[in-house]
Amino acid sequence: MTLALGNVTFDCHNAAALADFYAQLLGVPVDPEASEFFATVGKTAELSPILMFIQVDDKNPGKNVVHLDYHATEWRDYIERAISLGGKHIGDFDEYGQQWATLADPEGNLFDIGKE
């Protein structure tokens, strides 16, 4: 028996809106039947893991300790794309032989986009 990662789940205020941010950033569609309460990105595009968004009344306060790390050769273009979609650029980092930028999505969840 093998344990496999199925989803990365975001607690959020508006599931469809936050799913749309990540779908546009990744260039894939939001899966059908998305609503403000529940949405996914990745099923129809056959991505793994699937990004799942669930509306909750009370998000955990403070910094999220688990975050997504994306990477691409054209990483700066994706940083600009995230900002144009409503993300916020938090800072640039160059540590341990790696370069990346930390951003926040429209609901404040942190994620990184790094140089491939």
Protein backbone atom coordinates (compact mmCIF):
# COMPACT_ATOMS: atom_id res chain seq x y z
CA MET A 1 0.00 0.00 0.00
CA THR A 2 1.34 3.43 -0.98
CA LEU A 3 0.34 6.80 0.42
CA ALA A 4 -0.03 9.33 -2.39
CA LEU A 5 -0.59 13.07 -2.35
CA GLY A 6 -4.01 13.73 -3.88
CA ASN A 7 -4.70 17.41 -3.27
CA VAL A 8 -3.23 20.60 -1.94
CA THR A 9 -6.12 22.25 -0.11
CA PHE A 10 -6.62 25.97 0.50
CA ASP A 11 -9.00 27.24 3.16
CA CYS A 12 -10.36 30.46 1.73
CA HIS A 13 -13.19 32.99 1.69
CA ASN A 14 -14.23 32.51 -1.97
CA ALA A 15 -13.27 29.18 -3.50
CA ALA A 16 -14.12 30.01 -7.13
CA ALA A 17 -12.26 33.33 -7.10
CA LEU A 18 -9.09 31.88 -5.59
CA ALA A 19 -9.24 28.86 -7.92
CA ASP A 20 -9.49 31.28 -10.84
CA PHE A 21 -6.31 33.08 -9.69
CA TYR A 22 -4.31 29.84 -9.67
CA ALA A 23 -5.90 28.55 -12.88
CA GLN A 24 -4.90 31.72 -14.73
CA LEU A 25 -1.41 31.65 -13.19
CA LEU A 26 -0.91 28.03 -14.30
CA GLY A 27 -2.68 28.45 -17.66
CA VAL A 28 -5.25 25.71 -17.03
CA PRO A 29 -9.02 25.84 -16.50
CA VAL A 30 -10.92 25.81 -13.25
CA ASP A 31 -12.67 22.45 -13.10
CA PRO A 32 -16.43 22.40 -13.86
CA GLU A 33 -19.00 23.09 -11.15
CA ALA A 34 -16.85 25.55 -9.20
CA SER A 35 -18.70 27.70 -6.71
CA GLU A 36 -17.85 30.19 -3.99
CA PHE A 37 -17.92 27.23 -1.57
CA PHE A 38 -15.80 24.61 -3.38
CA ALA A 39 -13.59 24.52 -6.46
CA THR A 40 -10.70 22.53 -7.90
CA VAL A 41 -7.97 23.13 -10.46
CA GLY A 42 -6.23 20.26 -12.18
CA LYS A 43 -8.73 17.45 -12.66
CA THR A 44 -9.62 18.30 -16.26
CA ALA A 45 -6.01 19.30 -17.02
CA GLU A 46 -4.78 16.01 -15.43
CA LEU A 47 -2.42 17.82 -13.06
CA SER A 48 -1.10 16.21 -9.94
CA PRO A 49 -1.62 17.15 -7.23
CA ILE A 50 -4.99 18.77 -7.71
CA LEU A 51 -5.46 22.18 -6.10
CA MET A 52 -8.61 22.21 -3.96
CA PHE A 53 -10.28 25.33 -2.55
CA ILE A 54 -12.81 25.17 0.27
CA GLN A 55 -14.68 28.10 1.81
CA VAL A 56 -14.25 28.33 5.58
CA ASP A 57 -15.61 30.81 8.08
CA ASP A 58 -12.38 31.28 9.99
CA LYS A 59 -8.95 30.85 8.42
CA ASN A 60 -5.96 30.13 10.62
CA PRO A 61 -4.30 33.42 11.59
CA GLY A 62 -0.68 34.19 10.72
CA LYS A 63 1.76 32.80 8.19
CA ASN A 64 0.87 29.56 6.48
CA VAL A 65 3.61 27.02 7.18
CA VAL A 66 3.02 24.98 4.03
CA HIS A 67 3.21 26.76 0.71
CA LEU A 68 3.52 26.01 -3.00
CA ASP A 69 6.88 26.32 -4.72
CA TYR A 70 6.68 26.79 -8.48
CA HIS A 71 9.69 27.00 -10.79
CA ALA A 72 10.24 27.95 -14.42
CA THR A 73 13.02 29.16 -16.68
CA GLU A 74 10.95 32.30 -17.35
CA TRP A 75 10.25 32.74 -13.65
CA ARG A 76 10.26 36.56 -13.71
CA ASP A 77 7.47 36.50 -16.33
CA TYR A 78 5.36 34.36 -13.99
CA ILE A 79 6.01 36.74 -11.10
CA GLU A 80 4.66 39.60 -13.22
CA ARG A 81 1.73 37.43 -14.29
CA ALA A 82 0.86 36.66 -10.66
CA ILE A 83 0.96 40.36 -9.79
CA SER A 84 -1.25 41.24 -12.76
CA LEU A 85 -3.78 38.64 -11.54
CA GLY A 86 -4.02 40.26 -8.10
CA GLY A 87 -1.08 38.67 -6.30
CA LYS A 88 1.34 40.67 -4.18
CA HIS A 89 5.14 40.52 -4.48
CA ILE A 90 6.56 40.03 -0.97
CA GLY A 91 10.29 39.79 -1.68
CA ASP A 92 13.18 38.32 -3.67
CA PHE A 93 15.62 35.78 -2.27
CA ASP A 94 18.96 34.31 -3.32
CA GLU A 95 20.02 31.66 -0.83
CA TYR A 96 21.58 28.20 -0.86
CA GLY A 97 22.28 28.50 -4.60
CA GLN A 98 18.61 29.15 -5.37
CA GLN A 99 16.79 32.27 -6.54
CA TRP A 100 13.09 32.82 -5.95
CA ALA A 101 10.41 35.36 -5.16
CA THR A 102 7.80 35.01 -2.45
CA LEU A 103 4.33 36.22 -3.36
CA ALA A 104 0.89 36.24 -1.76
CA ASP A 105 -2.28 35.26 -3.60
CA PRO A 106 -5.35 37.55 -3.39
CA GLU A 107 -6.31 36.02 -0.01
CA GLY A 108 -2.82 36.32 1.45
CA ASN A 109 -1.61 32.72 1.09
CA LEU A 110 2.13 32.69 0.41
CA PHE A 111 3.74 30.89 -2.52
CA ASP A 112 7.10 31.00 -4.25
CA ILE A 113 8.15 31.23 -7.89
CA GLY A 114 11.78 30.27 -8.44
CA LYS A 115 14.37 30.06 -11.14
CA GLU A 116 14.54 26.64 -12.76
